[in-house]
Amino acid sequence: MPASQGELDFLPVENGGLYSENFLEGRLPQWSEYRDCDCSKLMDEVKSLWEREGPSLPKANEAQVEEHFVQPILDLLGHAWTPQAGYSTPTGRSVPDYALFLSDEARLAAAQLGKGSLDRFRDAVALAEAKEFERPFNTRRGGALNEDPHAQILRYLNETRLGWGILTNGRSWRLYSYERATQGHYYGVDLVALLERGDPGEFRRFAVLFARSALDPDERGLCLLDRMLQEAERSAVAVGDALERQVFEAVPLLAMGLLGEEAHSEESLAMAFENSLVFLYRMLFCLHAEARGLLPVDNPHYEPQSLLQVRRDVVVVPGDAPEGEQREVPHA
């Protein structure tokens, strides 16, 4: 069954379009913040926490999941946090579960500001919202606003204008950007699946993206997550420009392949050109949909036939490189 927007379907990663697969797989591993991150101790600590608390979480209420699982993970990730960080808006009162700060000093200073005021978020760097264990993110449960958790955290980001937000139900952890709030983009991880699979590569991505250090601004005021978003956007533009050139270069080759040994009449050339464009546009549509998480690239029934898998297959051509080496093929 394909993973829905709100459920990871027990797959380790769900890319909701925040970062492109090209950036996550090709560019991010080259960054020193990612490459030099030793997450083995953190993985062991989170796994120990899961082994201790996991059996009781399915029957726990939201507050118990937060106290026994979510808050300890926020601590392990280095966050300083204030719970039930409420504030008033023209339409009512909002209460995100956590305001996240870079230090306890910043957290304590914010606590001295006006109660119920957005001023208390002035020095916060992110917010977090927690739900009971495995609660779906796209299911409404009534209430005054009648919104699902996905819509709820997007609303919090728009009201506070904080740069980043985390949504979790204990198992699933999502990262949201204020800049992408209107599109509803996110990056999601099934933390429990990562722990049970013991996948250090994907856990490293969780450790880097969800840690306090990812929110620490540089001299320009940009944190790691900000810089990743900028680089991913620049990479997408560059890839788009290169792809546009490659599309026009590919049309004659495709047309020749479609013609085969058929006579090159005006009619056959026009038909080959038209069908080449149809093929290319459909392929580009699928590439875009897979990169944005609109097609279930992690589903075992779809993934072997996906264009993502085709790209992986052509990275190494058997017999074309010495043993132990790979011939890299440019990414489209």
C-alpha atoms as a PDB file:
ATOM      1  CA  MET A   1       0.000   0.000   0.000  1.00  0.00           C
ATOM      2  CA  PRO A   2       1.457   3.406  -0.910  1.00  0.00           C
ATOM      3  CA  ALA A   3       2.333   5.703   1.975  1.00  0.00           C
ATOM      4  CA  SER A   4      -0.266   8.397   2.487  1.00  0.00           C
ATOM      5  CA  GLN A   5       0.488  12.014   3.278  1.00  0.00           C
ATOM      6  CA  GLY A   6      -0.080  11.475   6.964  1.00  0.00           C
ATOM      7  CA  GLU A   7       1.290   8.005   7.507  1.00  0.00           C
ATOM      8  CA  LEU A   8       4.759   6.691   6.762  1.00  0.00           C
ATOM      9  CA  ASP A   9       3.397   3.159   6.317  1.00  0.00           C
ATOM     10  CA  PHE A  10       6.421   1.979   8.328  1.00  0.00           C
ATOM     11  CA  LEU A  11       8.882   3.163   5.706  1.00  0.00           C
ATOM     12  CA  PRO A  12      12.025   4.820   7.128  1.00  0.00           C
ATOM     13  CA  VAL A  13      11.759   8.055   5.136  1.00  0.00           C
ATOM     14  CA  GLU A  14       8.936  10.067   3.588  1.00  0.00           C
ATOM     15  CA  ASN A  15      10.038  12.990   1.439  1.00  0.00           C
ATOM     16  CA  GLY A  16       7.191  15.488   1.347  1.00  0.00           C
ATOM     17  CA  GLY A  17       8.954  17.792  -1.106  1.00  0.00           C
ATOM     18  CA  LEU A  18      10.952  19.920   1.340  1.00  0.00           C
ATOM     19  CA  TYR A  19      14.257  18.795  -0.175  1.00  0.00           C
ATOM     20  CA  SER A  20      14.753  17.095  -3.527  1.00  0.00           C
ATOM     21  CA  GLU A  21      16.030  13.537  -3.690  1.00  0.00           C
ATOM     22  CA  ASN A  22      18.875  14.836  -5.841  1.00  0.00           C
ATOM     23  CA  PHE A  23      20.020  17.117  -3.012  1.00  0.00           C
ATOM     24  CA  LEU A  24      19.504  14.590  -0.199  1.00  0.00           C
ATOM     25  CA  GLU A  25      21.312  11.759  -1.972  1.00  0.00           C
ATOM     26  CA  GLY A  26      23.877  13.653  -4.008  1.00  0.00           C
ATOM     27  CA  ARG A  27      24.759  16.930  -2.283  1.00  0.00           C
ATOM     28  CA  LEU A  28      24.031  16.609   1.427  1.00  0.00           C
ATOM     29  CA  PRO A  29      26.505  13.727   2.044  1.00  0.00           C
ATOM     30  CA  GLN A  30      29.286  16.060   0.856  1.00  0.00           C
ATOM     31  CA  TRP A  31      28.542  18.692   3.515  1.00  0.00           C
ATOM     32  CA  SER A  32      30.898  18.581   6.497  1.00  0.00           C
ATOM     33  CA  GLU A  33      27.998  18.938   8.975  1.00  0.00           C
ATOM     34  CA  TYR A  34      26.610  15.677   7.615  1.00  0.00           C
ATOM     35  CA  ARG A  35      29.810  13.877   6.675  1.00  0.00           C
ATOM     36  CA  ASP A  36      31.520  14.459  10.025  1.00  0.00           C
ATOM     37  CA  CYS A  37      28.493  13.725  12.212  1.00  0.00           C
ATOM     38  CA  ASP A  38      29.095  10.754  14.514  1.00  0.00           C
ATOM     39  CA  CYS A  39      25.594   9.725  15.538  1.00  0.00           C
ATOM     40  CA  SER A  40      26.411   6.282  16.966  1.00  0.00           C
ATOM     41  CA  LYS A  41      26.059   7.385  20.607  1.00  0.00           C
ATOM     42  CA  LEU A  42      22.814   9.238  19.916  1.00  0.00           C
ATOM     43  CA  MET A  43      21.415   6.240  18.039  1.00  0.00           C
ATOM     44  CA  ASP A  44      22.253   3.937  20.951  1.00  0.00           C
ATOM     45  CA  GLU A  45      20.626   6.300  23.454  1.00  0.00           C
ATOM     46  CA  VAL A  46      17.442   6.738  21.425  1.00  0.00           C
ATOM     47  CA  LYS A  47      17.272   3.001  20.784  1.00  0.00           C
ATOM     48  CA  SER A  48      17.633   2.306  24.514  1.00  0.00           C
ATOM     49  CA  LEU A  49      14.829   4.775  25.208  1.00  0.00           C
ATOM     50  CA  TRP A  50      12.614   3.074  22.632  1.00  0.00           C
ATOM     51  CA  GLU A  51      13.300  -0.389  24.041  1.00  0.00           C
ATOM     52  CA  ARG A  52      12.355   0.834  27.516  1.00  0.00           C
ATOM     53  CA  GLU A  53       9.315   2.959  26.682  1.00  0.00           C
ATOM     54  CA  GLY A  54       8.114   1.501  23.375  1.00  0.00           C
ATOM     55  CA  PRO A  55       5.923  -1.333  24.727  1.00  0.00           C
ATOM     56  CA  SER A  56       3.770   1.106  26.743  1.00  0.00           C
ATOM     57  CA  LEU A  57       3.378   3.853  24.125  1.00  0.00           C
ATOM     58  CA  PRO A  58       0.464   2.384  22.116  1.00  0.00           C
ATOM     59  CA  LYS A  59      -1.774   2.577  25.203  1.00  0.00           C
ATOM     60  CA  ALA A  60      -0.430   5.906  26.459  1.00  0.00           C
ATOM     61  CA  ASN A  61      -2.233   9.223  26.097  1.00  0.00           C
ATOM     62  CA  GLU A  62      -0.673  12.266  24.440  1.00  0.00           C
ATOM     63  CA  ALA A  63       0.784  13.719  27.647  1.00  0.00           C
ATOM     64  CA  GLN A  64       2.389  10.376  28.558  1.00  0.00           C
ATOM     65  CA  VAL A  65       3.924   9.982  25.093  1.00  0.00           C
ATOM     66  CA  GLU A  66       5.378  13.466  25.416  1.00  0.00           C
ATOM     67  CA  GLU A  67       6.758  12.970  28.913  1.00  0.00           C
ATOM     68  CA  HIS A  68       8.254   9.532  28.451  1.00  0.00           C
ATOM     69  CA  PHE A  69       9.378   9.612  24.822  1.00  0.00           C
ATOM     70  CA  VAL A  70       9.182  12.937  22.958  1.00  0.00           C
ATOM     71  CA  GLN A  71      10.714  15.164  25.630  1.00  0.00           C
ATOM     72  CA  PRO A  72      13.668  12.808  26.277  1.00  0.00           C
ATOM     73  CA  ILE A  73      14.389  12.749  22.534  1.00  0.00           C
ATOM     74  CA  LEU A  74      14.272  16.548  22.364  1.00  0.00           C
ATOM     75  CA  ASP A  75      16.770  16.557  25.240  1.00  0.00           C
ATOM     76  CA  LEU A  76      19.041  14.059  23.477  1.00  0.00           C
ATOM     77  CA  LEU A  77      18.907  16.202  20.341  1.00  0.00           C
ATOM     78  CA  GLY A  78      20.131  19.156  22.410  1.00  0.00           C
ATOM     79  CA  HIS A  79      17.007  21.333  22.399  1.00  0.00           C
ATOM     80  CA  ALA A  80      16.049  23.734  25.174  1.00  0.00           C
ATOM     81  CA  TRP A  81      12.259  23.817  25.285  1.00  0.00           C
ATOM     82  CA  THR A  82       9.276  25.432  26.951  1.00  0.00           C
ATOM     83  CA  PRO A  83       6.072  23.340  27.054  1.00  0.00           C
ATOM     84  CA  GLN A  84       2.567  24.630  26.340  1.00  0.00           C
ATOM     85  CA  ALA A  85       3.875  27.844  24.829  1.00  0.00           C
ATOM     86  CA  GLY A  86       0.518  29.545  24.328  1.00  0.00           C
ATOM     87  CA  TYR A  87      -0.196  32.918  22.753  1.00  0.00           C
ATOM     88  CA  SER A  88      -3.228  34.947  21.732  1.00  0.00           C
ATOM     89  CA  THR A  89      -4.240  35.804  18.161  1.00  0.00           C
ATOM     90  CA  PRO A  90      -7.122  37.868  16.743  1.00  0.00           C
ATOM     91  CA  THR A  91      -8.997  34.618  16.098  1.00  0.00           C
ATOM     92  CA  GLY A  92      -8.367  32.985  19.463  1.00  0.00           C
ATOM     93  CA  ARG A  93      -5.677  31.283  21.502  1.00  0.00           C
ATOM     94  CA  SER A  94      -3.042  28.914  20.099  1.00  0.00           C
ATOM     95  CA  VAL A  95      -0.939  26.552  22.193  1.00  0.00           C
ATOM     96  CA  PRO A  96       1.938  24.799  20.436  1.00  0.00           C
ATOM     97  CA  ASP A  97       3.273  22.010  22.603  1.00  0.00           C
ATOM     98  CA  TYR A  98       6.854  23.345  22.600  1.00  0.00           C
ATOM     99  CA  ALA A  99       8.835  26.465  21.818  1.00  0.00           C
ATOM    100  CA  LEU A 100      12.438  25.469  21.032  1.00  0.00           C
ATOM    101  CA  PHE A 101      15.436  27.583  21.999  1.00  0.00           C
ATOM    102  CA  LEU A 102      19.170  27.384  21.400  1.00  0.00           C
ATOM    103  CA  SER A 103      19.977  27.560  25.122  1.00  0.00           C
ATOM    104  CA  ASP A 104      18.429  27.495  28.569  1.00  0.00           C
ATOM    105  CA  GLU A 105      19.412  31.150  28.959  1.00  0.00           C
ATOM    106  CA  ALA A 106      17.262  32.091  25.950  1.00  0.00           C
ATOM    107  CA  ARG A 107      14.421  29.927  27.262  1.00  0.00           C
ATOM    108  CA  LEU A 108      14.492  31.558  30.694  1.00  0.00           C
ATOM    109  CA  ALA A 109      14.696  35.060  29.217  1.00  0.00           C
ATOM    110  CA  ALA A 110      11.650  34.369  27.036  1.00  0.00           C
ATOM    111  CA  ALA A 111       9.706  33.207  30.080  1.00  0.00           C
ATOM    112  CA  GLN A 112      10.025  36.703  31.569  1.00  0.00           C
ATOM    113  CA  LEU A 113       8.158  38.304  28.654  1.00  0.00           C
ATOM    114  CA  GLY A 114       4.421  38.932  28.528  1.00  0.00           C
ATOM    115  CA  LYS A 115       2.363  35.844  29.266  1.00  0.00           C
ATOM    116  CA  GLY A 116       0.320  34.755  26.276  1.00  0.00           C
ATOM    117  CA  SER A 117       2.196  37.118  23.971  1.00  0.00           C
ATOM    118  CA  LEU A 118       3.966  36.248  20.732  1.00  0.00           C
ATOM    119  CA  ASP A 119       6.906  38.197  22.188  1.00  0.00           C
ATOM    120  CA  ARG A 120       7.798  34.999  24.044  1.00  0.00           C
ATOM    121  CA  PHE A 121       8.704  33.480  20.686  1.00  0.00           C
ATOM    122  CA  ARG A 122      11.042  36.328  19.761  1.00  0.00           C
ATOM    123  CA  ASP A 123      14.187  34.343  20.625  1.00  0.00           C
ATOM    124  CA  ALA A 124      12.768  30.898  19.828  1.00  0.00           C
ATOM    125  CA  VAL A 125      14.207  29.174  16.770  1.00  0.00           C
ATOM    126  CA  ALA A 126      11.474  26.594  16.168  1.00  0.00           C
ATOM    127  CA  LEU A 127       8.317  25.065  17.583  1.00  0.00           C
ATOM    128  CA  ALA A 128       7.244  21.476  18.028  1.00  0.00           C
ATOM    129  CA  GLU A 129       3.888  19.731  18.198  1.00  0.00           C
ATOM    130  CA  ALA A 130       3.435  16.223  19.626  1.00  0.00           C
ATOM    131  CA  LYS A 131       0.532  13.785  19.325  1.00  0.00           C
ATOM    132  CA  GLU A 132      -0.311  10.421  20.828  1.00  0.00           C
ATOM    133  CA  PHE A 133       1.633   7.479  19.503  1.00  0.00           C
ATOM    134  CA  GLU A 134       1.107   6.765  15.782  1.00  0.00           C
ATOM    135  CA  ARG A 135      -1.753   9.233  15.424  1.00  0.00           C
ATOM    136  CA  PRO A 136      -2.231   9.934  11.672  1.00  0.00           C
ATOM    137  CA  PHE A 137      -1.213  13.429  10.672  1.00  0.00           C
ATOM    138  CA  ASN A 138      -4.008  14.033   8.163  1.00  0.00           C
ATOM    139  CA  THR A 139      -7.035  12.940  10.236  1.00  0.00           C
ATOM    140  CA  ARG A 140      -9.307  15.501  11.848  1.00  0.00           C
ATOM    141  CA  ARG A 141     -10.885  14.948  15.253  1.00  0.00           C
ATOM    142  CA  GLY A 142     -13.270  17.847  15.548  1.00  0.00           C
ATOM    143  CA  GLY A 143     -12.697  20.741  17.913  1.00  0.00           C
ATOM    144  CA  ALA A 144     -12.979  24.470  17.411  1.00  0.00           C
ATOM    145  CA  LEU A 145     -10.738  24.634  14.355  1.00  0.00           C
ATOM    146  CA  ASN A 146     -11.398  21.096  13.137  1.00  0.00           C
ATOM    147  CA  GLU A 147      -7.924  20.739  11.663  1.00  0.00           C
ATOM    148  CA  ASP A 148      -5.550  17.828  11.313  1.00  0.00           C
ATOM    149  CA  PRO A 149      -2.039  17.898  12.870  1.00  0.00           C
ATOM    150  CA  HIS A 150      -0.439  18.660   9.490  1.00  0.00           C
ATOM    151  CA  ALA A 151      -2.620  21.773   9.100  1.00  0.00           C
ATOM    152  CA  GLN A 152      -2.172  22.640  12.763  1.00  0.00           C
ATOM    153  CA  ILE A 153       1.606  22.984  12.665  1.00  0.00           C
ATOM    154  CA  LEU A 154       1.421  24.945   9.412  1.00  0.00           C
ATOM    155  CA  ARG A 155      -0.939  27.372  11.154  1.00  0.00           C
ATOM    156  CA  TYR A 156       1.433  27.684  14.113  1.00  0.00           C
ATOM    157  CA  LEU A 157       4.319  28.497  11.762  1.00  0.00           C
ATOM    158  CA  ASN A 158       2.268  31.143   9.983  1.00  0.00           C
ATOM    159  CA  GLU A 159       1.189  32.732  13.287  1.00  0.00           C
ATOM    160  CA  THR A 160       4.608  32.740  14.983  1.00  0.00           C
ATOM    161  CA  ARG A 161       6.661  33.145  11.785  1.00  0.00           C
ATOM    162  CA  LEU A 162       9.337  30.931  13.256  1.00  0.00           C
ATOM    163  CA  GLY A 163      11.572  29.434  10.620  1.00  0.00           C
ATOM    164  CA  TRP A 164      11.093  25.761  11.454  1.00  0.00           C
ATOM    165  CA  GLY A 165       8.666  23.336  13.050  1.00  0.00           C
ATOM    166  CA  ILE A 166       8.694  19.695  14.145  1.00  0.00           C
ATOM    167  CA  LEU A 167       5.622  17.467  14.201  1.00  0.00           C
ATOM    168  CA  THR A 168       5.769  14.040  15.819  1.00  0.00           C
ATOM    169  CA  ASN A 169       3.560  11.222  17.022  1.00  0.00           C
ATOM    170  CA  GLY A 170       6.492   9.421  18.607  1.00  0.00           C
ATOM    171  CA  ARG A 171       7.010   7.121  15.642  1.00  0.00           C
ATOM    172  CA  SER A 172       6.906   9.645  12.812  1.00  0.00           C
ATOM    173  CA  TRP A 173       8.938  12.866  12.924  1.00  0.00           C
ATOM    174  CA  ARG A 174       8.371  15.630  10.381  1.00  0.00           C
ATOM    175  CA  LEU A 175      10.348  18.770   9.685  1.00  0.00           C
ATOM    176  CA  TYR A 176       8.514  21.832   8.304  1.00  0.00           C
ATOM    177  CA  SER A 177       9.789  25.163   6.984  1.00  0.00           C
ATOM    178  CA  TYR A 178       7.966  28.494   7.358  1.00  0.00           C
ATOM    179  CA  GLU A 179       9.164  29.416   3.848  1.00  0.00           C
ATOM    180  CA  ARG A 180       7.430  26.324   2.453  1.00  0.00           C
ATOM    181  CA  ALA A 181       4.367  26.473   4.713  1.00  0.00           C
ATOM    182  CA  THR A 182       2.052  27.543   1.908  1.00  0.00           C
ATOM    183  CA  GLN A 183       3.033  24.453  -0.094  1.00  0.00           C
ATOM    184  CA  GLY A 184       2.761  22.150   2.932  1.00  0.00           C
ATOM    185  CA  HIS A 185       6.159  20.622   2.217  1.00  0.00           C
ATOM    186  CA  TYR A 186       7.990  18.585   4.855  1.00  0.00           C
ATOM    187  CA  TYR A 187      10.656  15.955   5.388  1.00  0.00           C
ATOM    188  CA  GLY A 188       9.514  12.896   7.346  1.00  0.00           C
ATOM    189  CA  VAL A 189      11.265  10.057   9.149  1.00  0.00           C
ATOM    190  CA  ASP A 190       9.865   6.897  10.720  1.00  0.00           C
ATOM    191  CA  LEU A 191      12.183   6.938  13.712  1.00  0.00           C
ATOM    192  CA  VAL A 192      11.077   3.578  15.089  1.00  0.00           C
ATOM    193  CA  ALA A 193      11.668   1.863  11.744  1.00  0.00           C
ATOM    194  CA  LEU A 194      15.154   3.376  11.609  1.00  0.00           C
ATOM    195  CA  LEU A 195      15.951   2.127  15.099  1.00  0.00           C
ATOM    196  CA  GLU A 196      14.632  -1.347  14.397  1.00  0.00           C
ATOM    197  CA  ARG A 197      16.482  -1.577  11.082  1.00  0.00           C
ATOM    198  CA  GLY A 198      19.680  -0.151  12.556  1.00  0.00           C
ATOM    199  CA  ASP A 199      20.238   2.019   9.479  1.00  0.00           C
ATOM    200  CA  PRO A 200      23.072   4.405  10.457  1.00  0.00           C
ATOM    201  CA  GLY A 201      22.922   6.280   7.143  1.00  0.00           C
ATOM    202  CA  GLU A 202      19.301   7.314   7.444  1.00  0.00           C
ATOM    203  CA  PHE A 203      19.607   7.815  11.203  1.00  0.00           C
ATOM    204  CA  ARG A 204      22.463  10.231  10.561  1.00  0.00           C
ATOM    205  CA  ARG A 205      20.098  12.295   8.435  1.00  0.00           C
ATOM    206  CA  PHE A 206      17.604  12.349  11.319  1.00  0.00           C
ATOM    207  CA  ALA A 207      20.350  13.277  13.785  1.00  0.00           C
ATOM    208  CA  VAL A 208      21.577  16.141  11.595  1.00  0.00           C
ATOM    209  CA  LEU A 209      18.245  17.625  10.512  1.00  0.00           C
ATOM    210  CA  PHE A 210      16.341  17.402  13.813  1.00  0.00           C
ATOM    211  CA  ALA A 211      19.127  18.402  16.215  1.00  0.00           C
ATOM    212  CA  ARG A 212      19.436  21.756  17.945  1.00  0.00           C
ATOM    213  CA  SER A 213      22.694  22.351  16.087  1.00  0.00           C
ATOM    214  CA  ALA A 214      20.754  22.421  12.794  1.00  0.00           C
ATOM    215  CA  LEU A 215      19.037  25.600  14.057  1.00  0.00           C
ATOM    216  CA  ASP A 216      22.184  27.403  15.201  1.00  0.00           C
ATOM    217  CA  PRO A 217      22.665  30.522  13.001  1.00  0.00           C
ATOM    218  CA  ASP A 218      25.958  31.368  11.327  1.00  0.00           C
ATOM    219  CA  GLU A 219      27.434  34.846  10.924  1.00  0.00           C
ATOM    220  CA  ARG A 220      24.810  35.599   8.257  1.00  0.00           C
ATOM    221  CA  GLY A 221      21.966  34.545  10.519  1.00  0.00           C
ATOM    222  CA  LEU A 222      21.326  31.354   8.540  1.00  0.00           C
ATOM    223  CA  CYS A 223      21.133  27.966  10.215  1.00  0.00           C
ATOM    224  CA  LEU A 224      22.042  24.664   8.597  1.00  0.00           C
ATOM    225  CA  LEU A 225      18.428  23.976   7.625  1.00  0.00           C
ATOM    226  CA  ASP A 226      18.182  27.420   5.993  1.00  0.00           C
ATOM    227  CA  ARG A 227      21.358  26.836   4.005  1.00  0.00           C
ATOM    228  CA  MET A 228      20.173  23.393   2.965  1.00  0.00           C
ATOM    229  CA  LEU A 229      16.926  24.867   1.681  1.00  0.00           C
ATOM    230  CA  GLN A 230      18.764  27.560  -0.281  1.00  0.00           C
ATOM    231  CA  GLU A 231      21.219  25.076  -1.759  1.00  0.00           C
ATOM    232  CA  ALA A 232      18.437  22.657  -2.658  1.00  0.00           C
ATOM    233  CA  GLU A 233      16.595  25.455  -4.480  1.00  0.00           C
ATOM    234  CA  ARG A 234      19.752  26.522  -6.342  1.00  0.00           C
ATOM    235  CA  SER A 235      20.418  22.922  -7.239  1.00  0.00           C
ATOM    236  CA  ALA A 236      16.856  22.529  -8.518  1.00  0.00           C
ATOM    237  CA  VAL A 237      17.244  25.606 -10.754  1.00  0.00           C
ATOM    238  CA  ALA A 238      20.570  24.329 -12.112  1.00  0.00           C
ATOM    239  CA  VAL A 239      19.136  20.892 -12.717  1.00  0.00           C
ATOM    240  CA  GLY A 240      16.126  22.447 -14.438  1.00  0.00           C
ATOM    241  CA  ASP A 241      18.335  24.503 -16.764  1.00  0.00           C
ATOM    242  CA  ALA A 242      20.483  21.488 -17.606  1.00  0.00           C
ATOM    243  CA  LEU A 243      17.403  19.343 -18.093  1.00  0.00           C
ATOM    244  CA  GLU A 244      15.909  21.854 -20.515  1.00  0.00           C
ATOM    245  CA  ARG A 245      19.041  21.688 -22.660  1.00  0.00           C
ATOM    246  CA  GLN A 246      19.136  17.914 -22.481  1.00  0.00           C
ATOM    247  CA  VAL A 247      15.482  17.642 -23.493  1.00  0.00           C
ATOM    248  CA  PHE A 248      16.060  19.493 -26.742  1.00  0.00           C
ATOM    249  CA  GLU A 249      19.199  17.451 -27.389  1.00  0.00           C
ATOM    250  CA  ALA A 250      17.313  14.220 -26.739  1.00  0.00           C
ATOM    251  CA  VAL A 251      14.440  14.853 -29.164  1.00  0.00           C
ATOM    252  CA  PRO A 252      16.406  14.059 -32.366  1.00  0.00           C
ATOM    253  CA  LEU A 253      17.872  10.911 -30.800  1.00  0.00           C
ATOM    254  CA  LEU A 254      14.463   9.683 -29.689  1.00  0.00           C
ATOM    255  CA  ALA A 255      12.963  10.488 -33.068  1.00  0.00           C
ATOM    256  CA  MET A 256      15.662   8.501 -34.839  1.00  0.00           C
ATOM    257  CA  GLY A 257      15.047   5.580 -32.522  1.00  0.00           C
ATOM    258  CA  LEU A 258      11.316   5.702 -33.177  1.00  0.00           C
ATOM    259  CA  LEU A 259      11.844   5.852 -36.923  1.00  0.00           C
ATOM    260  CA  GLY A 260      14.215   2.923 -37.045  1.00  0.00           C
ATOM    261  CA  GLU A 261      14.644   1.924 -40.668  1.00  0.00           C
ATOM    262  CA  GLU A 262      11.453   3.620 -41.785  1.00  0.00           C
ATOM    263  CA  ALA A 263      11.806   6.016 -44.672  1.00  0.00           C
ATOM    264  CA  HIS A 264      12.356   9.621 -43.580  1.00  0.00           C
ATOM    265  CA  SER A 265       9.339  11.187 -45.184  1.00  0.00           C
ATOM    266  CA  GLU A 266       7.901  14.506 -44.058  1.00  0.00           C
ATOM    267  CA  GLU A 267       4.973  12.676 -42.491  1.00  0.00           C
ATOM    268  CA  SER A 268       7.097  10.112 -40.620  1.00  0.00           C
ATOM    269  CA  LEU A 269       9.501  12.764 -39.344  1.00  0.00           C
ATOM    270  CA  ALA A 270       6.633  14.881 -38.016  1.00  0.00           C
ATOM    271  CA  MET A 271       5.053  11.880 -36.282  1.00  0.00           C
ATOM    272  CA  ALA A 272       8.395  10.816 -34.740  1.00  0.00           C
ATOM    273  CA  PHE A 273       8.991  14.358 -33.469  1.00  0.00           C
ATOM    274  CA  GLU A 274       5.506  14.569 -31.955  1.00  0.00           C
ATOM    275  CA  ASN A 275       5.752  11.186 -30.228  1.00  0.00           C
ATOM    276  CA  SER A 276       9.247  12.012 -28.922  1.00  0.00           C
ATOM    277  CA  LEU A 277       7.871  15.101 -27.209  1.00  0.00           C
ATOM    278  CA  VAL A 278       4.958  13.133 -25.724  1.00  0.00           C
ATOM    279  CA  PHE A 279       7.383  10.566 -24.309  1.00  0.00           C
ATOM    280  CA  LEU A 280       9.695  13.233 -22.872  1.00  0.00           C
ATOM    281  CA  TYR A 281       6.893  15.245 -21.272  1.00  0.00           C
ATOM    282  CA  ARG A 282       5.462  12.134 -19.632  1.00  0.00           C
ATOM    283  CA  MET A 283       8.883  11.147 -18.339  1.00  0.00           C
ATOM    284  CA  LEU A 284       9.477  14.642 -16.949  1.00  0.00           C
ATOM    285  CA  PHE A 285       6.092  14.549 -15.245  1.00  0.00           C
ATOM    286  CA  CYS A 286       6.990  11.262 -13.533  1.00  0.00           C
ATOM    287  CA  LEU A 287      10.438  12.561 -12.520  1.00  0.00           C
ATOM    288  CA  HIS A 288       8.878  15.670 -10.973  1.00  0.00           C
ATOM    289  CA  ALA A 289       6.171  13.670  -9.180  1.00  0.00           C
ATOM    290  CA  GLU A 290       8.701  11.198  -7.768  1.00  0.00           C
ATOM    291  CA  ALA A 291      11.018  13.983  -6.587  1.00  0.00           C
ATOM    292  CA  ARG A 292       8.136  15.729  -4.815  1.00  0.00           C
ATOM    293  CA  GLY A 293       6.898  12.566  -3.125  1.00  0.00           C
ATOM    294  CA  LEU A 294       3.686  12.572  -5.160  1.00  0.00           C
ATOM    295  CA  LEU A 295       4.351   9.033  -6.377  1.00  0.00           C
ATOM    296  CA  PRO A 296       5.069   6.168  -3.931  1.00  0.00           C
ATOM    297  CA  VAL A 297       8.766   5.654  -4.746  1.00  0.00           C
ATOM    298  CA  ASP A 298       9.293   3.707  -1.489  1.00  0.00           C
ATOM    299  CA  ASN A 299       6.417   1.322  -2.129  1.00  0.00           C
ATOM    300  CA  PRO A 300       7.780  -2.174  -2.944  1.00  0.00           C
ATOM    301  CA  HIS A 301       5.336  -2.593  -5.835  1.00  0.00           C
ATOM    302  CA  TYR A 302       6.062   0.757  -7.478  1.00  0.00           C
ATOM    303  CA  GLU A 303       9.733   1.297  -6.619  1.00  0.00           C
ATOM    304  CA  PRO A 304      11.274  -1.370  -8.953  1.00  0.00           C
ATOM    305  CA  GLN A 305       9.546   0.259 -11.943  1.00  0.00           C
ATOM    306  CA  SER A 306      10.147   3.870 -10.911  1.00  0.00           C
ATOM    307  CA  LEU A 307      12.377   6.298 -12.766  1.00  0.00           C
ATOM    308  CA  LEU A 308      14.291   6.705  -9.504  1.00  0.00           C
ATOM    309  CA  GLN A 309      15.256   3.034  -9.726  1.00  0.00           C
ATOM    310  CA  VAL A 310      16.193   3.435 -13.407  1.00  0.00           C
ATOM    311  CA  ARG A 311      18.557   6.230 -12.391  1.00  0.00           C
ATOM    312  CA  ARG A 312      20.088   4.008  -9.710  1.00  0.00           C
ATOM    313  CA  ASP A 313      20.503   1.188 -12.199  1.00  0.00           C
ATOM    314  CA  VAL A 314      22.507   3.294 -14.638  1.00  0.00           C
ATOM    315  CA  VAL A 315      24.878   4.705 -12.032  1.00  0.00           C
ATOM    316  CA  VAL A 316      26.974   1.552 -12.351  1.00  0.00           C
ATOM    317  CA  VAL A 317      27.273  -0.175 -15.696  1.00  0.00           C
ATOM    318  CA  PRO A 318      28.496  -3.805 -15.256  1.00  0.00           C
ATOM    319  CA  GLY A 319      31.874  -4.350 -16.885  1.00  0.00           C
ATOM    320  CA  ASP A 320      32.377  -0.638 -17.489  1.00  0.00           C
ATOM    321  CA  ALA A 321      34.364   0.072 -14.333  1.00  0.00           C
ATOM    322  CA  PRO A 322      37.045  -1.786 -12.368  1.00  0.00           C
ATOM    323  CA  GLU A 323      35.900  -3.847  -9.412  1.00  0.00           C
ATOM    324  CA  GLY A 324      35.173  -1.667  -6.400  1.00  0.00           C
ATOM    325  CA  GLU A 325      34.761   1.470  -8.491  1.00  0.00           C
ATOM    326  CA  GLN A 326      31.656   3.106  -9.847  1.00  0.00           C
ATOM    327  CA  ARG A 327      31.147   5.059 -13.003  1.00  0.00           C
ATOM    328  CA  GLU A 328      29.045   8.038 -12.069  1.00  0.00           C
ATOM    329  CA  VAL A 329      26.342   9.162 -14.418  1.00  0.00           C
ATOM    330  CA  PRO A 330      25.200  12.807 -14.259  1.00  0.00           C
ATOM    331  CA  HIS A 331      21.894  13.221 -12.413  1.00  0.00           C
ATOM    332  CA  ALA A 332      18.976  14.605 -14.330  1.00  0.00           C
END
